[in-house]
Amino acid sequence: MNPTAVIAIHGGAGTILRTLMESDAEQRYHASLNDILATGQSVLAAGGSALDAVSEAVRLLEDNPLFNAGRGAVFTADGTHELDASIMDGSTLEAGAICCVKRVRNPILVARRVLEASEHVMFTGAGAEAFAVAQGFEPVDPSYFHTDARYKQWLLARGQQRVMLDHDGATLTDGDAEPTPHEPIDPNRKFGTVGAVALDQHGHVAAATSTGGVTNKQVGRVGDAPLIGAGCYADDATCAVSTTGSGEMFMRMVAAYDVAAQMAYRGVSLEEAAADVVMKRLPRINGRGGLIAVDALGNVTLPFNTEGMYRGFARVGEAPVTAIYR
């Protein structure tokens, strides 16, 4: 008998400032996470694949401006948007990814089409956009991704000549040393990536990750999110993983694959492998963030080494569970 199907999602990790949070901000995040989990849960309950469930969950995260992916993505140093995404099927080890796209409404859906329709794994920039159009995706005007909150944050970051690892500048005003009330995670220390992992009724796992990058990043910079093994990995023999954090550090640690590798080669549990990567290995190189993971037995783990991470999981037949703080 197969374990109960389950989905988990994340919407970024970082430093929590509960005292500076608007009264309804926490509720908005919990409500969004709960609704997206419920949708993924319904896909699994109907017999849908893990790949279907993570695709739909991340698509919804991309469409929600609370999160730094799709609409509401952060601005580059040039005042533009560059989006990255990846997806992997644990039953076949097939994967698809795109990066540095500017006119793709839902990067995760195009990444999935790469998995399904191309002999390649990753497309970048203009080539990725051309692939999307050839596959029937309607390009959007870059203004679609604009939100006032991200724009204000970009102006602040540009004025201070720094890169900001977060996704919501509405919490800051120019010249302030401290954020003003808006959301429960400090935007100066927020890692804006979204992701999902799932186990379906057939015993297969899948993972998906999407991001708008980091505020005021140099044009052409690519983080861990679209890289198979760093920001996303799935293998039925071990687990499915989606990460969020300081992308360069997760790339250097090949963090997502390391969880699966430790399970395969050390014979440790999902929880032990994930904890070793997030709590021991990444901090050695100042890697901050977290990950979500599920194995073929239905075990779920959501470790992070920051003060908080937008996260949740939902087993078929049970109420979704969401959390922000440690």
C-alpha atoms as a PDB file:
ATOM      1  CA  MET A   1       0.000   0.000   0.000  1.00  0.00           C
ATOM      2  CA  ASN A   2       1.383   3.396  -0.991  1.00  0.00           C
ATOM      3  CA  PRO A   3       1.833   6.139   1.611  1.00  0.00           C
ATOM      4  CA  THR A   4      -0.687   8.977   1.742  1.00  0.00           C
ATOM      5  CA  ALA A   5      -0.047  11.526  -1.003  1.00  0.00           C
ATOM      6  CA  VAL A   6       1.352  14.816   0.292  1.00  0.00           C
ATOM      7  CA  ILE A   7       2.460  18.222  -0.991  1.00  0.00           C
ATOM      8  CA  ALA A   8       4.698  20.846   0.642  1.00  0.00           C
ATOM      9  CA  ILE A   9       5.423  24.413  -0.472  1.00  0.00           C
ATOM     10  CA  HIS A  10       7.671  27.324   0.492  1.00  0.00           C
ATOM     11  CA  GLY A  11       7.630  31.028  -0.281  1.00  0.00           C
ATOM     12  CA  GLY A  12      11.027  32.196   0.938  1.00  0.00           C
ATOM     13  CA  ALA A  13      13.090  32.348   4.132  1.00  0.00           C
ATOM     14  CA  GLY A  14      14.717  35.105   6.148  1.00  0.00           C
ATOM     15  CA  THR A  15      14.879  37.226   9.294  1.00  0.00           C
ATOM     16  CA  ILE A  16      11.592  37.502  11.158  1.00  0.00           C
ATOM     17  CA  LEU A  17      10.466  40.837  12.595  1.00  0.00           C
ATOM     18  CA  ARG A  18       7.209  39.854  14.249  1.00  0.00           C
ATOM     19  CA  THR A  19       7.081  43.121  16.198  1.00  0.00           C
ATOM     20  CA  LEU A  20       7.110  45.170  12.988  1.00  0.00           C
ATOM     21  CA  MET A  21       4.389  43.205  11.241  1.00  0.00           C
ATOM     22  CA  GLU A  22       1.119  44.763  10.171  1.00  0.00           C
ATOM     23  CA  SER A  23      -1.857  43.226  11.932  1.00  0.00           C
ATOM     24  CA  ASP A  24      -3.161  41.473   8.825  1.00  0.00           C
ATOM     25  CA  ALA A  25       0.103  40.634   7.033  1.00  0.00           C
ATOM     26  CA  GLU A  26       0.577  37.294   8.743  1.00  0.00           C
ATOM     27  CA  GLN A  27      -3.010  36.312   7.945  1.00  0.00           C
ATOM     28  CA  ARG A  28      -2.514  37.156   4.253  1.00  0.00           C
ATOM     29  CA  TYR A  29       0.501  34.889   4.013  1.00  0.00           C
ATOM     30  CA  HIS A  30      -1.170  32.039   5.883  1.00  0.00           C
ATOM     31  CA  ALA A  31      -4.296  32.339   3.739  1.00  0.00           C
ATOM     32  CA  SER A  32      -2.292  32.297   0.505  1.00  0.00           C
ATOM     33  CA  LEU A  33      -0.217  29.305   1.588  1.00  0.00           C
ATOM     34  CA  ASN A  34      -3.334  27.449   2.757  1.00  0.00           C
ATOM     35  CA  ASP A  35      -5.232  28.047  -0.501  1.00  0.00           C
ATOM     36  CA  ILE A  36      -2.306  26.943  -2.659  1.00  0.00           C
ATOM     37  CA  LEU A  37      -1.758  23.823  -0.554  1.00  0.00           C
ATOM     38  CA  ALA A  38      -5.455  22.970  -0.810  1.00  0.00           C
ATOM     39  CA  THR A  39      -5.289  23.202  -4.598  1.00  0.00           C
ATOM     40  CA  GLY A  40      -2.231  20.944  -4.790  1.00  0.00           C
ATOM     41  CA  GLN A  41      -3.869  18.575  -2.351  1.00  0.00           C
ATOM     42  CA  SER A  42      -6.962  18.329  -4.571  1.00  0.00           C
ATOM     43  CA  VAL A  43      -4.793  17.471  -7.581  1.00  0.00           C
ATOM     44  CA  LEU A  44      -3.253  14.589  -5.630  1.00  0.00           C
ATOM     45  CA  ALA A  45      -6.601  13.465  -4.197  1.00  0.00           C
ATOM     46  CA  ALA A  46      -7.978  13.144  -7.728  1.00  0.00           C
ATOM     47  CA  GLY A  47      -5.129  10.809  -8.648  1.00  0.00           C
ATOM     48  CA  GLY A  48      -3.006  13.474 -10.302  1.00  0.00           C
ATOM     49  CA  SER A  49       0.754  13.097 -10.554  1.00  0.00           C
ATOM     50  CA  ALA A  50       3.282  14.711  -8.241  1.00  0.00           C
ATOM     51  CA  LEU A  51       4.479  16.624 -11.307  1.00  0.00           C
ATOM     52  CA  ASP A  52       0.972  18.020 -11.848  1.00  0.00           C
ATOM     53  CA  ALA A  53       0.676  19.013  -8.193  1.00  0.00           C
ATOM     54  CA  VAL A  54       3.982  20.902  -7.982  1.00  0.00           C
ATOM     55  CA  SER A  55       3.377  22.577 -11.358  1.00  0.00           C
ATOM     56  CA  GLU A  56       0.018  23.943 -10.238  1.00  0.00           C
ATOM     57  CA  ALA A  57       1.244  24.980  -6.776  1.00  0.00           C
ATOM     58  CA  VAL A  58       4.201  26.926  -8.154  1.00  0.00           C
ATOM     59  CA  ARG A  59       2.054  28.483 -10.890  1.00  0.00           C
ATOM     60  CA  LEU A  60      -0.223  29.857  -8.169  1.00  0.00           C
ATOM     61  CA  LEU A  61       2.777  31.119  -6.186  1.00  0.00           C
ATOM     62  CA  GLU A  62       4.023  32.864  -9.353  1.00  0.00           C
ATOM     63  CA  ASP A  63       0.634  34.554  -9.792  1.00  0.00           C
ATOM     64  CA  ASN A  64       0.573  35.800  -6.174  1.00  0.00           C
ATOM     65  CA  PRO A  65       2.366  39.171  -5.782  1.00  0.00           C
ATOM     66  CA  LEU A  66       3.154  38.422  -2.131  1.00  0.00           C
ATOM     67  CA  PHE A  67       5.966  36.178  -3.384  1.00  0.00           C
ATOM     68  CA  ASN A  68       9.071  36.902  -5.473  1.00  0.00           C
ATOM     69  CA  ALA A  69       8.260  34.818  -8.557  1.00  0.00           C
ATOM     70  CA  GLY A  70       6.225  35.698 -11.620  1.00  0.00           C
ATOM     71  CA  ARG A  71       4.053  38.751 -10.950  1.00  0.00           C
ATOM     72  CA  GLY A  72       5.710  40.671  -8.131  1.00  0.00           C
ATOM     73  CA  ALA A  73       9.242  39.597  -9.039  1.00  0.00           C
ATOM     74  CA  VAL A  74      12.022  41.921  -7.899  1.00  0.00           C
ATOM     75  CA  PHE A  75      13.868  44.392 -10.140  1.00  0.00           C
ATOM     76  CA  THR A  76      17.388  44.005 -11.560  1.00  0.00           C
ATOM     77  CA  ALA A  77      20.005  46.767 -11.490  1.00  0.00           C
ATOM     78  CA  ASP A  78      18.649  47.915 -14.872  1.00  0.00           C
ATOM     79  CA  GLY A  79      15.086  48.161 -13.556  1.00  0.00           C
ATOM     80  CA  THR A  80      13.984  45.039 -15.418  1.00  0.00           C
ATOM     81  CA  HIS A  81      12.769  41.590 -14.363  1.00  0.00           C
ATOM     82  CA  GLU A  82      14.577  38.289 -14.994  1.00  0.00           C
ATOM     83  CA  LEU A  83      12.796  35.105 -13.996  1.00  0.00           C
ATOM     84  CA  ASP A  84      14.143  31.588 -13.395  1.00  0.00           C
ATOM     85  CA  ALA A  85      12.431  28.230 -12.807  1.00  0.00           C
ATOM     86  CA  SER A  86      13.086  24.485 -12.772  1.00  0.00           C
ATOM     87  CA  ILE A  87      11.124  21.265 -12.363  1.00  0.00           C
ATOM     88  CA  MET A  88      12.065  17.592 -12.009  1.00  0.00           C
ATOM     89  CA  ASP A  89      10.171  14.297 -12.195  1.00  0.00           C
ATOM     90  CA  GLY A  90      11.443  11.743  -9.691  1.00  0.00           C
ATOM     91  CA  SER A  91       9.992   8.793 -11.594  1.00  0.00           C
ATOM     92  CA  THR A  92      12.065   9.397 -14.750  1.00  0.00           C
ATOM     93  CA  LEU A  93      14.782  11.854 -13.610  1.00  0.00           C
ATOM     94  CA  GLU A  94      13.629  14.099 -16.446  1.00  0.00           C
ATOM     95  CA  ALA A  95      14.024  17.806 -15.788  1.00  0.00           C
ATOM     96  CA  GLY A  96      13.369  21.177 -17.388  1.00  0.00           C
ATOM     97  CA  ALA A  97      14.551  24.686 -16.589  1.00  0.00           C
ATOM     98  CA  ILE A  98      14.610  28.228 -17.940  1.00  0.00           C
ATOM     99  CA  CYS A  99      16.453  31.318 -16.725  1.00  0.00           C
ATOM    100  CA  CYS A 100      16.752  35.055 -17.413  1.00  0.00           C
ATOM    101  CA  VAL A 101      13.358  35.344 -19.116  1.00  0.00           C
ATOM    102  CA  LYS A 102      11.543  38.683 -19.215  1.00  0.00           C
ATOM    103  CA  ARG A 103       8.252  37.966 -21.012  1.00  0.00           C
ATOM    104  CA  VAL A 104       7.147  34.573 -19.644  1.00  0.00           C
ATOM    105  CA  ARG A 105       4.128  34.889 -17.358  1.00  0.00           C
ATOM    106  CA  ASN A 106       4.589  31.487 -15.657  1.00  0.00           C
ATOM    107  CA  PRO A 107       8.182  30.290 -15.929  1.00  0.00           C
ATOM    108  CA  ILE A 108       7.366  26.999 -14.188  1.00  0.00           C
ATOM    109  CA  LEU A 109       4.939  26.000 -16.957  1.00  0.00           C
ATOM    110  CA  VAL A 110       7.564  26.647 -19.628  1.00  0.00           C
ATOM    111  CA  ALA A 111      10.164  24.740 -17.584  1.00  0.00           C
ATOM    112  CA  ARG A 112       7.754  21.804 -17.523  1.00  0.00           C
ATOM    113  CA  ARG A 113       7.328  22.038 -21.287  1.00  0.00           C
ATOM    114  CA  VAL A 114      11.124  21.864 -21.625  1.00  0.00           C
ATOM    115  CA  LEU A 115      10.979  18.642 -19.593  1.00  0.00           C
ATOM    116  CA  GLU A 116       8.221  17.198 -21.771  1.00  0.00           C
ATOM    117  CA  ALA A 117       8.974  18.459 -25.260  1.00  0.00           C
ATOM    118  CA  SER A 118      12.713  19.123 -25.571  1.00  0.00           C
ATOM    119  CA  GLU A 119      15.828  16.965 -25.686  1.00  0.00           C
ATOM    120  CA  HIS A 120      17.516  19.697 -23.630  1.00  0.00           C
ATOM    121  CA  VAL A 121      17.243  20.469 -19.917  1.00  0.00           C
ATOM    122  CA  MET A 122      17.768  24.238 -19.786  1.00  0.00           C
ATOM    123  CA  PHE A 123      17.138  27.256 -21.987  1.00  0.00           C
ATOM    124  CA  THR A 124      18.232  30.806 -21.199  1.00  0.00           C
ATOM    125  CA  GLY A 125      17.139  34.310 -22.127  1.00  0.00           C
ATOM    126  CA  ALA A 126      15.996  34.871 -25.706  1.00  0.00           C
ATOM    127  CA  GLY A 127      16.290  31.172 -26.502  1.00  0.00           C
ATOM    128  CA  ALA A 128      13.989  30.284 -23.616  1.00  0.00           C
ATOM    129  CA  GLU A 129      11.458  32.887 -24.711  1.00  0.00           C
ATOM    130  CA  ALA A 130      11.573  31.654 -28.309  1.00  0.00           C
ATOM    131  CA  PHE A 131      10.986  28.100 -27.071  1.00  0.00           C
ATOM    132  CA  ALA A 132       8.007  29.294 -25.028  1.00  0.00           C
ATOM    133  CA  VAL A 133       6.419  31.038 -28.015  1.00  0.00           C
ATOM    134  CA  ALA A 134       7.035  28.000 -30.230  1.00  0.00           C
ATOM    135  CA  GLN A 135       5.234  25.893 -27.620  1.00  0.00           C
ATOM    136  CA  GLY A 136       2.191  28.143 -27.686  1.00  0.00           C
ATOM    137  CA  PHE A 137       2.800  30.351 -24.657  1.00  0.00           C
ATOM    138  CA  GLU A 138       1.630  33.935 -25.137  1.00  0.00           C
ATOM    139  CA  PRO A 139       4.361  36.419 -24.123  1.00  0.00           C
ATOM    140  CA  VAL A 140       3.411  39.160 -21.669  1.00  0.00           C
ATOM    141  CA  ASP A 141       4.601  42.743 -21.598  1.00  0.00           C
ATOM    142  CA  PRO A 142       7.364  43.135 -18.976  1.00  0.00           C
ATOM    143  CA  SER A 143       5.131  45.641 -17.155  1.00  0.00           C
ATOM    144  CA  TYR A 144       2.993  42.656 -16.076  1.00  0.00           C
ATOM    145  CA  PHE A 145       5.589  41.826 -13.410  1.00  0.00           C
ATOM    146  CA  HIS A 146       5.665  45.339 -11.910  1.00  0.00           C
ATOM    147  CA  THR A 147       4.366  45.967  -8.414  1.00  0.00           C
ATOM    148  CA  ASP A 148       4.795  49.248  -6.558  1.00  0.00           C
ATOM    149  CA  ALA A 149       6.230  47.512  -3.496  1.00  0.00           C
ATOM    150  CA  ARG A 150       9.073  45.886  -5.437  1.00  0.00           C
ATOM    151  CA  TYR A 151       9.722  49.099  -7.325  1.00  0.00           C
ATOM    152  CA  LYS A 152      10.115  51.105  -4.110  1.00  0.00           C
ATOM    153  CA  GLN A 153      12.488  48.474  -2.802  1.00  0.00           C
ATOM    154  CA  TRP A 154      14.577  48.671  -5.959  1.00  0.00           C
ATOM    155  CA  LEU A 155      14.843  52.455  -5.696  1.00  0.00           C
ATOM    156  CA  LEU A 156      16.070  52.076  -2.117  1.00  0.00           C
ATOM    157  CA  ALA A 157      18.580  49.362  -2.995  1.00  0.00           C
ATOM    158  CA  ARG A 158      19.849  51.372  -5.953  1.00  0.00           C
ATOM    159  CA  GLY A 159      20.199  54.468  -3.790  1.00  0.00           C
ATOM    160  CA  GLN A 160      22.247  52.520  -1.274  1.00  0.00           C
ATOM    161  CA  GLN A 161      24.200  50.743  -4.034  1.00  0.00           C
ATOM    162  CA  ARG A 162      23.567  47.268  -2.707  1.00  0.00           C
ATOM    163  CA  VAL A 163      21.871  44.018  -3.520  1.00  0.00           C
ATOM    164  CA  MET A 164      18.921  43.137  -1.303  1.00  0.00           C
ATOM    165  CA  LEU A 165      18.074  39.506  -0.647  1.00  0.00           C
ATOM    166  CA  ASP A 166      14.342  39.925  -0.360  1.00  0.00           C
ATOM    167  CA  HIS A 167      11.190  40.770  -2.260  1.00  0.00           C
ATOM    168  CA  ASP A 168       9.147  43.509  -0.656  1.00  0.00           C
ATOM    169  CA  GLY A 169      10.437  47.063  -0.435  1.00  0.00           C
ATOM    170  CA  ALA A 170       7.110  48.372   0.795  1.00  0.00           C
ATOM    171  CA  THR A 171       8.523  47.657   4.248  1.00  0.00           C
ATOM    172  CA  LEU A 172      11.282  50.234   3.815  1.00  0.00           C
ATOM    173  CA  THR A 173      11.384  53.973   3.318  1.00  0.00           C
ATOM    174  CA  ASP A 174      14.349  55.796   1.876  1.00  0.00           C
ATOM    175  CA  GLY A 175      16.981  56.492   4.509  1.00  0.00           C
ATOM    176  CA  ASP A 176      15.454  54.254   7.160  1.00  0.00           C
ATOM    177  CA  ALA A 177      17.905  52.007   8.948  1.00  0.00           C
ATOM    178  CA  GLU A 178      15.073  49.743  10.032  1.00  0.00           C
ATOM    179  CA  PRO A 179      12.077  48.462   8.091  1.00  0.00           C
ATOM    180  CA  THR A 180       8.652  49.951   8.704  1.00  0.00           C
ATOM    181  CA  PRO A 181       5.713  47.639   9.398  1.00  0.00           C
ATOM    182  CA  HIS A 182       4.389  45.572   6.519  1.00  0.00           C
ATOM    183  CA  GLU A 183       5.357  41.931   6.400  1.00  0.00           C
ATOM    184  CA  PRO A 184       6.699  39.394   8.909  1.00  0.00           C
ATOM    185  CA  ILE A 185      10.110  38.923   7.269  1.00  0.00           C
ATOM    186  CA  ASP A 186      12.761  41.660   7.209  1.00  0.00           C
ATOM    187  CA  PRO A 187      13.140  42.605   3.530  1.00  0.00           C
ATOM    188  CA  ASN A 188      16.859  43.216   3.996  1.00  0.00           C
ATOM    189  CA  ARG A 189      17.297  39.574   4.918  1.00  0.00           C
ATOM    190  CA  LYS A 190      14.622  37.864   2.822  1.00  0.00           C
ATOM    191  CA  PHE A 191      15.389  35.164   0.282  1.00  0.00           C
ATOM    192  CA  GLY A 192      12.652  35.314  -2.309  1.00  0.00           C
ATOM    193  CA  THR A 193      12.134  31.968  -3.986  1.00  0.00           C
ATOM    194  CA  VAL A 194       9.052  29.755  -4.187  1.00  0.00           C
ATOM    195  CA  GLY A 195       8.841  26.007  -4.543  1.00  0.00           C
ATOM    196  CA  ALA A 196       6.869  22.817  -4.114  1.00  0.00           C
ATOM    197  CA  VAL A 197       7.535  19.105  -3.598  1.00  0.00           C
ATOM    198  CA  ALA A 198       5.016  16.283  -3.693  1.00  0.00           C
ATOM    199  CA  LEU A 199       4.457  12.533  -3.386  1.00  0.00           C
ATOM    200  CA  ASP A 200       1.508  11.167  -5.384  1.00  0.00           C
ATOM    201  CA  GLN A 201      -0.728   8.123  -4.917  1.00  0.00           C
ATOM    202  CA  HIS A 202       1.452   6.143  -7.310  1.00  0.00           C
ATOM    203  CA  GLY A 203       4.563   6.549  -5.136  1.00  0.00           C
ATOM    204  CA  HIS A 204       6.299   9.107  -7.369  1.00  0.00           C
ATOM    205  CA  VAL A 205       7.889  12.375  -6.230  1.00  0.00           C
ATOM    206  CA  ALA A 206       8.507  15.683  -8.017  1.00  0.00           C
ATOM    207  CA  ALA A 207       9.962  19.099  -7.217  1.00  0.00           C
ATOM    208  CA  ALA A 208       9.630  22.593  -8.682  1.00  0.00           C
ATOM    209  CA  THR A 209      11.299  25.947  -7.901  1.00  0.00           C
ATOM    210  CA  SER A 210      10.795  29.485  -9.268  1.00  0.00           C
ATOM    211  CA  THR A 211      12.204  32.944  -8.492  1.00  0.00           C
ATOM    212  CA  GLY A 212      12.605  36.542  -9.542  1.00  0.00           C
ATOM    213  CA  GLY A 213      16.141  36.576  -8.132  1.00  0.00           C
ATOM    214  CA  VAL A 214      17.489  39.250  -5.787  1.00  0.00           C
ATOM    215  CA  THR A 215      16.721  42.972  -5.825  1.00  0.00           C
ATOM    216  CA  ASN A 216      19.188  45.129  -7.786  1.00  0.00           C
ATOM    217  CA  LYS A 217      21.067  42.055  -9.011  1.00  0.00           C
ATOM    218  CA  GLN A 218      23.406  42.434 -11.955  1.00  0.00           C
ATOM    219  CA  VAL A 219      21.623  41.658 -15.217  1.00  0.00           C
ATOM    220  CA  GLY A 220      22.312  38.064 -16.262  1.00  0.00           C
ATOM    221  CA  ARG A 221      22.947  36.795 -12.735  1.00  0.00           C
ATOM    222  CA  VAL A 222      21.517  33.305 -12.213  1.00  0.00           C
ATOM    223  CA  GLY A 223      21.043  31.775  -8.776  1.00  0.00           C
ATOM    224  CA  ASP A 224      20.318  28.250  -7.629  1.00  0.00           C
ATOM    225  CA  ALA A 225      16.582  28.132  -8.438  1.00  0.00           C
ATOM    226  CA  PRO A 226      16.833  26.953 -12.080  1.00  0.00           C
ATOM    227  CA  LEU A 227      19.812  24.673 -11.499  1.00  0.00           C
ATOM    228  CA  ILE A 228      19.035  20.966 -11.185  1.00  0.00           C
ATOM    229  CA  GLY A 229      20.803  19.701  -8.066  1.00  0.00           C
ATOM    230  CA  ALA A 230      21.184  23.115  -6.460  1.00  0.00           C
ATOM    231  CA  GLY A 231      17.687  24.583  -6.229  1.00  0.00           C
ATOM    232  CA  CYS A 232      15.621  21.591  -7.320  1.00  0.00           C
ATOM    233  CA  TYR A 233      16.009  17.807  -7.362  1.00  0.00           C
ATOM    234  CA  ALA A 234      13.767  14.731  -7.410  1.00  0.00           C
ATOM    235  CA  ASP A 235      14.386  10.985  -7.478  1.00  0.00           C
ATOM    236  CA  ASP A 236      11.856   8.315  -6.461  1.00  0.00           C
ATOM    237  CA  ALA A 237      14.732   6.326  -4.939  1.00  0.00           C
ATOM    238  CA  THR A 238      15.376   9.052  -2.360  1.00  0.00           C
ATOM    239  CA  CYS A 239      13.407  12.302  -2.239  1.00  0.00           C
ATOM    240  CA  ALA A 240      12.253  15.546  -3.849  1.00  0.00           C
ATOM    241  CA  VAL A 241      13.780  18.860  -2.733  1.00  0.00           C
ATOM    242  CA  SER A 242      13.162  22.577  -3.392  1.00  0.00           C
ATOM    243  CA  THR A 243      15.429  25.177  -1.785  1.00  0.00           C
ATOM    244  CA  THR A 244      15.317  28.864  -0.880  1.00  0.00           C
ATOM    245  CA  GLY A 245      18.179  30.994   0.352  1.00  0.00           C
ATOM    246  CA  SER A 246      21.462  32.636  -0.573  1.00  0.00           C
ATOM    247  CA  GLY A 247      21.619  31.142  -4.060  1.00  0.00           C
ATOM    248  CA  GLU A 248      25.361  31.267  -4.590  1.00  0.00           C
ATOM    249  CA  MET A 249      25.930  29.209  -1.435  1.00  0.00           C
ATOM    250  CA  PHE A 250      23.286  26.640  -2.380  1.00  0.00           C
ATOM    251  CA  MET A 251      24.967  26.332  -5.788  1.00  0.00           C
ATOM    252  CA  ARG A 252      28.384  25.785  -4.239  1.00  0.00           C
ATOM    253  CA  MET A 253      26.953  23.093  -1.958  1.00  0.00           C
ATOM    254  CA  VAL A 254      24.742  21.513  -4.661  1.00  0.00           C
ATOM    255  CA  ALA A 255      22.316  21.582  -1.766  1.00  0.00           C
ATOM    256  CA  ALA A 256      19.227  19.881  -3.205  1.00  0.00           C
ATOM    257  CA  TYR A 257      21.158  16.924  -4.596  1.00  0.00           C
ATOM    258  CA  ASP A 258      23.220  16.625  -1.411  1.00  0.00           C
ATOM    259  CA  VAL A 259      20.081  15.702   0.528  1.00  0.00           C
ATOM    260  CA  ALA A 260      19.301  12.882  -1.914  1.00  0.00           C
ATOM    261  CA  ALA A 261      22.942  11.793  -2.062  1.00  0.00           C
ATOM    262  CA  GLN A 262      23.238  11.509   1.703  1.00  0.00           C
ATOM    263  CA  MET A 263      20.125   9.326   1.774  1.00  0.00           C
ATOM    264  CA  ALA A 264      21.532   7.122  -0.996  1.00  0.00           C
ATOM    265  CA  TYR A 265      25.153   6.860   0.106  1.00  0.00           C
ATOM    266  CA  ARG A 266      24.990   7.318   3.893  1.00  0.00           C
ATOM    267  CA  GLY A 267      21.702   5.524   4.319  1.00  0.00           C
ATOM    268  CA  VAL A 268      20.304   8.246   6.571  1.00  0.00           C
ATOM    269  CA  SER A 269      16.687   9.402   6.829  1.00  0.00           C
ATOM    270  CA  LEU A 270      15.231  12.336   4.910  1.00  0.00           C
ATOM    271  CA  GLU A 271      15.116  14.437   8.063  1.00  0.00           C
ATOM    272  CA  GLU A 272      18.729  13.703   9.008  1.00  0.00           C
ATOM    273  CA  ALA A 273      20.048  14.391   5.501  1.00  0.00           C
ATOM    274  CA  ALA A 274      18.152  17.667   5.166  1.00  0.00           C
ATOM    275  CA  ALA A 275      19.177  18.837   8.631  1.00  0.00           C
ATOM    276  CA  ASP A 276      22.842  18.101   7.885  1.00  0.00           C
ATOM    277  CA  VAL A 277      22.743  20.196   4.711  1.00  0.00           C
ATOM    278  CA  VAL A 278      20.810  23.141   6.161  1.00  0.00           C
ATOM    279  CA  MET A 279      22.127  23.248   9.721  1.00  0.00           C
ATOM    280  CA  LYS A 280      25.740  22.091   9.292  1.00  0.00           C
ATOM    281  CA  ARG A 281      27.076  22.254   5.733  1.00  0.00           C
ATOM    282  CA  LEU A 282      25.549  25.491   4.453  1.00  0.00           C
ATOM    283  CA  PRO A 283      26.434  27.587   7.546  1.00  0.00           C
ATOM    284  CA  ARG A 284      30.123  26.715   7.031  1.00  0.00           C
ATOM    285  CA  ILE A 285      30.103  29.028   4.012  1.00  0.00           C
ATOM    286  CA  ASN A 286      27.540  31.464   5.457  1.00  0.00           C
ATOM    287  CA  GLY A 287      24.723  29.867   3.509  1.00  0.00           C
ATOM    288  CA  ARG A 288      21.358  31.097   4.835  1.00  0.00           C
ATOM    289  CA  GLY A 289      17.914  29.775   3.985  1.00  0.00           C
ATOM    290  CA  GLY A 290      16.094  26.472   3.993  1.00  0.00           C
ATOM    291  CA  LEU A 291      14.457  23.750   1.963  1.00  0.00           C
ATOM    292  CA  ILE A 292      11.389  21.563   1.741  1.00  0.00           C
ATOM    293  CA  ALA A 293      11.614  17.856   0.982  1.00  0.00           C
ATOM    294  CA  VAL A 294       9.459  14.734   0.772  1.00  0.00           C
ATOM    295  CA  ASP A 295      10.514  11.097   0.339  1.00  0.00           C
ATOM    296  CA  ALA A 296       8.790   8.098  -1.220  1.00  0.00           C
ATOM    297  CA  LEU A 297       7.551   6.984   2.215  1.00  0.00           C
ATOM    298  CA  GLY A 298       5.617  10.209   2.671  1.00  0.00           C
ATOM    299  CA  ASN A 299       7.984  11.768   5.195  1.00  0.00           C
ATOM    300  CA  VAL A 300       8.141  15.573   4.991  1.00  0.00           C
ATOM    301  CA  THR A 301      10.792  17.927   6.360  1.00  0.00           C
ATOM    302  CA  LEU A 302      11.038  21.730   6.154  1.00  0.00           C
ATOM    303  CA  PRO A 303      14.303  22.817   7.836  1.00  0.00           C
ATOM    304  CA  PHE A 304      15.712  26.360   7.732  1.00  0.00           C
ATOM    305  CA  ASN A 305      18.584  28.154   9.469  1.00  0.00           C
ATOM    306  CA  THR A 306      17.019  31.625   9.348  1.00  0.00           C
ATOM    307  CA  GLU A 307      14.462  33.049  11.759  1.00  0.00           C
ATOM    308  CA  GLY A 308      11.601  32.041   9.533  1.00  0.00           C
ATOM    309  CA  MET A 309      10.389  30.527   6.275  1.00  0.00           C
ATOM    310  CA  TYR A 310       6.993  30.775   4.605  1.00  0.00           C
ATOM    311  CA  ARG A 311       6.021  27.116   4.404  1.00  0.00           C
ATOM    312  CA  GLY A 312       3.334  24.482   4.695  1.00  0.00           C
ATOM    313  CA  PHE A 313       2.294  20.956   3.816  1.00  0.00           C
ATOM    314  CA  ALA A 314      -0.929  19.066   3.212  1.00  0.00           C
ATOM    315  CA  ARG A 315      -1.590  15.338   3.235  1.00  0.00           C
ATOM    316  CA  VAL A 316      -4.574  14.077   1.276  1.00  0.00           C
ATOM    317  CA  GLY A 317      -7.504  13.798   3.678  1.00  0.00           C
ATOM    318  CA  GLU A 318      -6.022  16.153   6.272  1.00  0.00           C
ATOM    319  CA  ALA A 319      -6.184  19.906   6.811  1.00  0.00           C
ATOM    320  CA  PRO A 320      -3.216  21.916   5.428  1.00  0.00           C
ATOM    321  CA  VAL A 321      -0.619  23.087   7.927  1.00  0.00           C
ATOM    322  CA  THR A 322       1.085  26.467   7.380  1.00  0.00           C
ATOM    323  CA  ALA A 323       3.831  28.288   9.297  1.00  0.00           C
ATOM    324  CA  ILE A 324       6.110  31.297   9.094  1.00  0.00           C
ATOM    325  CA  TYR A 325       8.202  31.379  12.263  1.00  0.00           C
ATOM    326  CA  ARG A 326      10.577  28.881  13.791  1.00  0.00           C
END
